[in-house]
N, C-alpha and C. Protein backbone atom coordinates (compact mmCIF):
# COMPACT_ATOMS: atom_id res chain seq x y z
N MET A 1 4.62 15.95 16.10
CA MET A 1 4.88 16.45 14.75
C MET A 1 5.67 15.67 13.86
N VAL A 2 5.02 15.65 12.70
CA VAL A 2 5.40 14.65 11.81
C VAL A 2 6.39 15.52 10.70
N ALA A 3 7.70 14.87 10.54
CA ALA A 3 8.86 15.38 9.62
C ALA A 3 7.94 15.33 8.02
N THR A 4 7.82 16.63 7.70
CA THR A 4 7.27 17.01 6.28
C THR A 4 8.19 17.24 5.31
N GLY A 5 9.52 17.17 5.70
CA GLY A 5 10.56 17.77 4.83
C GLY A 5 10.93 19.23 4.67
N GLU A 6 10.07 20.25 5.44
CA GLU A 6 10.06 21.53 5.61
C GLU A 6 11.56 21.87 6.43
N ALA A 7 11.92 21.13 7.31
CA ALA A 7 13.11 21.31 8.10
C ALA A 7 14.31 21.18 7.28
N ILE A 8 14.34 19.90 6.24
CA ILE A 8 15.41 19.95 5.14
C ILE A 8 15.44 20.81 4.20
N ALA A 9 14.19 21.47 3.81
CA ALA A 9 14.26 22.56 2.59
C ALA A 9 15.05 23.85 3.19
N ALA A 10 15.05 23.81 4.35
CA ALA A 10 15.75 25.32 5.30
C ALA A 10 17.18 24.81 5.10
N GLN A 11 17.86 24.05 4.87
CA GLN A 11 19.10 23.83 5.11
C GLN A 11 19.67 24.13 3.77
N PRO A 12 20.85 24.73 3.80
CA PRO A 12 21.53 25.32 2.42
C PRO A 12 21.50 24.29 1.54
N GLY A 13 21.33 24.57 0.23
CA GLY A 13 21.58 23.68 -0.89
C GLY A 13 20.61 22.74 -1.18
N PHE A 14 19.37 22.76 -0.36
CA PHE A 14 18.05 21.92 -0.39
C PHE A 14 17.00 22.84 -1.39
N LEU A 15 16.58 22.37 -2.23
CA LEU A 15 15.36 22.91 -2.88
C LEU A 15 14.00 23.14 -1.70
N SER A 16 13.39 23.81 -2.17
CA SER A 16 11.80 24.04 -1.37
C SER A 16 11.00 23.17 -2.18
N LYS A 17 10.06 23.04 -1.20
CA LYS A 17 8.95 21.91 -1.90
C LYS A 17 8.18 22.61 -3.22
N ASP A 18 8.20 23.74 -3.15
CA ASP A 18 7.75 24.39 -4.29
C ASP A 18 8.66 24.40 -5.55
N ASP A 19 9.88 24.61 -5.06
CA ASP A 19 10.92 24.40 -6.27
C ASP A 19 10.69 23.08 -6.89
N VAL A 20 10.72 22.06 -5.88
CA VAL A 20 10.72 20.59 -6.43
C VAL A 20 9.55 20.21 -7.27
N VAL A 21 8.37 20.79 -7.02
CA VAL A 21 7.27 20.62 -7.56
C VAL A 21 7.50 21.16 -8.93
N GLU A 22 7.91 22.52 -8.86
CA GLU A 22 8.12 23.27 -10.18
C GLU A 22 9.02 22.49 -11.17
N HIS A 23 9.98 22.02 -10.60
CA HIS A 23 11.07 21.29 -11.38
C HIS A 23 10.43 19.80 -11.97
N TYR A 24 9.65 19.03 -11.06
CA TYR A 24 8.87 18.18 -11.62
C TYR A 24 8.27 18.26 -12.59
N ALA A 25 7.41 19.33 -12.59
CA ALA A 25 6.37 19.66 -13.68
C ALA A 25 7.20 20.19 -14.92
N ALA A 26 8.27 20.88 -14.72
CA ALA A 26 8.76 21.27 -16.07
C ALA A 26 9.67 20.00 -16.73
N VAL A 27 10.28 19.27 -15.88
CA VAL A 27 11.05 17.96 -16.46
C VAL A 27 9.91 17.11 -17.06
N SER A 28 8.95 16.52 -16.15
CA SER A 28 7.92 15.43 -16.52
C SER A 28 7.05 15.84 -17.74
N GLY A 29 6.52 17.18 -17.56
CA GLY A 29 5.65 17.80 -18.59
C GLY A 29 4.16 17.52 -18.02
N ARG A 30 3.95 16.93 -16.62
CA ARG A 30 2.85 16.47 -16.01
C ARG A 30 2.41 17.81 -15.24
N ALA A 31 0.86 17.74 -15.35
CA ALA A 31 0.21 18.85 -14.52
C ALA A 31 0.28 18.28 -13.06
N VAL A 32 0.66 19.35 -12.09
CA VAL A 32 0.56 19.34 -10.61
C VAL A 32 -0.54 19.92 -9.84
N ASP A 33 -1.53 19.99 -10.57
CA ASP A 33 -2.67 20.84 -10.23
C ASP A 33 -3.60 20.12 -8.85
N HIS A 34 -3.22 18.69 -8.81
CA HIS A 34 -3.92 18.02 -7.76
C HIS A 34 -2.89 17.23 -7.02
N LEU A 35 -1.83 17.88 -6.74
CA LEU A 35 -0.84 17.29 -6.25
C LEU A 35 -1.13 17.07 -4.48
N ASP A 36 -1.86 17.84 -4.07
CA ASP A 36 -2.28 17.88 -2.76
C ASP A 36 -3.14 16.22 -2.30
N PHE A 37 -3.76 15.90 -3.51
CA PHE A 37 -4.46 14.73 -3.39
C PHE A 37 -3.40 13.59 -2.96
N TYR A 38 -2.39 13.56 -3.83
CA TYR A 38 -1.27 12.40 -3.69
C TYR A 38 -0.36 12.79 -2.51
N VAL A 39 -0.43 13.77 -1.81
CA VAL A 39 0.57 14.15 -0.44
C VAL A 39 -0.56 13.69 0.58
N VAL A 40 -1.72 13.87 0.20
CA VAL A 40 -2.54 13.40 1.66
C VAL A 40 -2.45 11.77 1.60
N PHE A 41 -2.99 11.38 0.34
CA PHE A 41 -3.02 10.05 -0.06
C PHE A 41 -1.50 9.12 0.54
N ALA A 42 -0.37 9.93 0.51
CA ALA A 42 0.94 9.36 0.85
C ALA A 42 1.05 9.31 2.51
N PHE A 43 0.40 10.24 3.16
CA PHE A 43 0.28 10.19 4.36
C PHE A 43 -0.38 9.18 5.28
N TYR A 44 -1.66 8.87 4.62
CA TYR A 44 -2.78 7.79 4.89
C TYR A 44 -1.67 6.38 4.69
N LYS A 45 -1.18 6.31 3.43
CA LYS A 45 -0.41 5.13 3.12
C LYS A 45 0.53 4.96 4.25
N LEU A 46 1.44 5.65 4.71
CA LEU A 46 2.44 5.83 5.58
C LEU A 46 2.05 5.41 6.80
N ALA A 47 0.63 6.04 7.32
CA ALA A 47 -0.15 5.58 8.39
C ALA A 47 -0.11 4.29 8.42
N ILE A 48 -0.78 3.64 7.38
CA ILE A 48 -0.91 2.39 7.31
C ILE A 48 0.17 1.36 7.39
N ILE A 49 1.26 1.68 6.82
CA ILE A 49 2.32 0.98 7.04
C ILE A 49 3.02 0.97 8.46
N VAL A 50 3.13 1.99 9.01
CA VAL A 50 3.54 2.49 10.46
C VAL A 50 2.62 1.76 11.40
N GLU A 51 1.14 1.37 11.17
CA GLU A 51 0.32 0.64 11.92
C GLU A 51 0.56 -0.78 12.05
N GLY A 52 1.15 -1.06 10.70
CA GLY A 52 1.59 -2.78 10.75
C GLY A 52 2.79 -2.81 11.32
N ILE A 53 3.70 -2.21 11.48
CA ILE A 53 4.87 -2.30 12.26
C ILE A 53 4.49 -2.18 13.60
N HIS A 54 3.73 -1.34 13.96
CA HIS A 54 3.13 -1.11 15.57
C HIS A 54 2.54 -2.42 15.77
N ALA A 55 1.68 -3.11 14.94
CA ALA A 55 1.11 -4.16 15.31
C ALA A 55 2.03 -5.50 15.30
N ARG A 56 2.98 -5.60 14.71
CA ARG A 56 4.09 -6.65 14.72
C ARG A 56 4.83 -6.44 15.76
N TYR A 57 5.13 -5.07 16.07
CA TYR A 57 6.09 -5.01 17.35
C TYR A 57 5.18 -5.25 18.86
N ARG A 58 3.89 -5.05 18.67
CA ARG A 58 3.19 -5.46 19.69
C ARG A 58 3.14 -7.16 20.06
N MET A 59 3.20 -7.77 18.85
CA MET A 59 2.97 -9.28 18.98
C MET A 59 4.61 -9.90 19.11
N GLY A 60 5.30 -9.13 19.45
CA GLY A 60 6.76 -9.44 19.53
C GLY A 60 7.41 -9.90 18.43
N LYS A 61 6.90 -9.55 17.06
CA LYS A 61 7.59 -9.90 15.82
C LYS A 61 8.45 -8.76 15.32
N THR A 62 8.53 -7.94 15.92
CA THR A 62 9.82 -6.78 15.56
C THR A 62 10.63 -6.20 16.90
N LEU A 63 11.72 -6.42 16.82
CA LEU A 63 12.70 -6.40 17.65
C LEU A 63 13.67 -5.17 17.50
N GLY A 64 13.82 -4.54 18.25
CA GLY A 64 14.63 -3.46 18.21
C GLY A 64 14.61 -2.09 18.98
N GLU A 65 15.40 -1.25 18.73
CA GLU A 65 15.28 -0.04 19.45
C GLU A 65 14.23 0.96 18.46
N GLY A 66 13.23 2.06 19.57
CA GLY A 66 12.55 2.66 18.87
C GLY A 66 11.34 2.33 18.12
N PHE A 67 10.90 1.06 18.09
CA PHE A 67 9.63 0.63 17.63
C PHE A 67 8.56 0.53 18.57
N GLU A 68 8.81 1.04 19.89
CA GLU A 68 7.99 1.11 20.87
C GLU A 68 7.03 2.52 20.66
N HIS A 69 7.47 3.38 19.93
CA HIS A 69 7.06 4.77 19.65
C HIS A 69 6.29 4.73 18.37
N MET A 70 6.27 3.73 17.62
CA MET A 70 5.56 3.60 16.00
C MET A 70 3.91 3.87 16.28
N GLY A 71 3.25 3.37 17.42
CA GLY A 71 2.04 3.87 17.56
C GLY A 71 1.62 5.17 17.41
N GLU A 72 2.33 5.89 18.09
CA GLU A 72 2.15 7.24 18.35
C GLU A 72 2.31 7.87 17.05
N LEU A 73 3.28 7.53 15.92
CA LEU A 73 3.17 8.26 14.88
C LEU A 73 1.99 8.10 13.95
N VAL A 74 1.36 6.71 14.31
CA VAL A 74 0.21 6.54 13.32
C VAL A 74 -0.92 7.97 13.62
N ASN A 75 -0.86 8.30 14.79
CA ASN A 75 -2.05 9.43 14.83
C ASN A 75 -1.44 10.73 14.55
N SER A 76 -0.25 10.70 14.33
CA SER A 76 0.73 12.23 13.81
C SER A 76 0.14 12.13 12.43
N LEU A 77 0.51 10.99 11.86
CA LEU A 77 0.56 10.89 10.37
C LEU A 77 -0.88 11.17 9.88
N VAL A 78 -1.92 10.52 10.68
CA VAL A 78 -3.43 10.83 10.31
C VAL A 78 -3.73 12.36 10.48
N ASN A 79 -3.34 12.59 11.52
CA ASN A 79 -3.66 14.20 11.58
C ASN A 79 -3.00 15.15 10.79
N GLU A 80 -1.75 14.80 10.31
CA GLU A 80 -1.22 15.74 9.08
C GLU A 80 -1.77 15.42 7.97
N ALA A 81 -2.21 14.07 7.79
CA ALA A 81 -3.23 14.05 6.37
C ALA A 81 -4.18 14.81 6.48
N LEU A 82 -5.09 14.89 7.73
CA LEU A 82 -6.23 15.78 7.85
C LEU A 82 -5.94 17.11 7.66
N GLN A 83 -5.03 17.63 8.15
CA GLN A 83 -4.52 19.15 8.09
C GLN A 83 -4.04 19.52 6.80
N GLN A 84 -3.60 18.59 6.12
CA GLN A 84 -2.93 18.87 4.68
C GLN A 84 -4.38 18.99 3.67
N ALA A 85 -5.24 18.04 4.18
CA ALA A 85 -6.59 18.22 3.45
C ALA A 85 -7.22 19.37 3.54
N ASP A 86 -7.37 19.77 4.81
CA ASP A 86 -8.13 21.02 4.77
C ASP A 86 -7.47 22.01 4.32
N ALA A 87 -6.28 21.92 4.30
CA ALA A 87 -5.47 23.43 3.74
C ALA A 87 -5.48 23.24 2.29
N SER A 88 -6.01 22.18 1.45
CA SER A 88 -5.61 21.92 0.17
C SER A 88 -6.48 22.73 -0.63
N SER A 89 -5.95 23.26 -1.92
CA SER A 89 -6.70 23.90 -2.73
C SER A 89 -7.63 22.69 -3.76
N VAL A 90 -7.59 21.77 -3.27
CA VAL A 90 -8.44 20.71 -4.05
C VAL A 90 -9.87 20.64 -3.07
N LYS A 91 -10.78 21.33 -3.55
CA LYS A 91 -12.24 21.39 -2.88
C LYS A 91 -12.46 19.95 -2.22
N ALA A 92 -12.39 18.99 -2.95
CA ALA A 92 -12.71 17.81 -2.41
C ALA A 92 -12.24 17.05 -1.47
N LEU A 93 -11.01 17.50 -1.02
CA LEU A 93 -10.27 17.03 -0.01
C LEU A 93 -10.76 17.75 1.46
N ARG A 94 -11.02 19.04 1.40
CA ARG A 94 -11.23 19.68 2.58
C ARG A 94 -12.71 19.22 2.98
N GLY A 95 -12.56 19.04 4.50
CA GLY A 95 -13.87 18.71 5.33
C GLY A 95 -14.47 19.52 5.84
């Protein structure tokens, strides 16, 4: 499972995702109707970054603890993107 921030929002003093989105919309004056697109896009972008880290690790160019599991995160991030897309209110994202 990929950390999506829901565990943090459950802690005292932290805003929920809906509260953050509502505050952002109010302060920025921007519409958030298609926020799902940007969330899905962010998961894919992060998967690409993590895959690059994983590739460098496999080539021996990234050293340190924990990098051996980066490849596993790529699949998790892509799967989370797909789940978010399928659950989206944006019809074009649902497959």
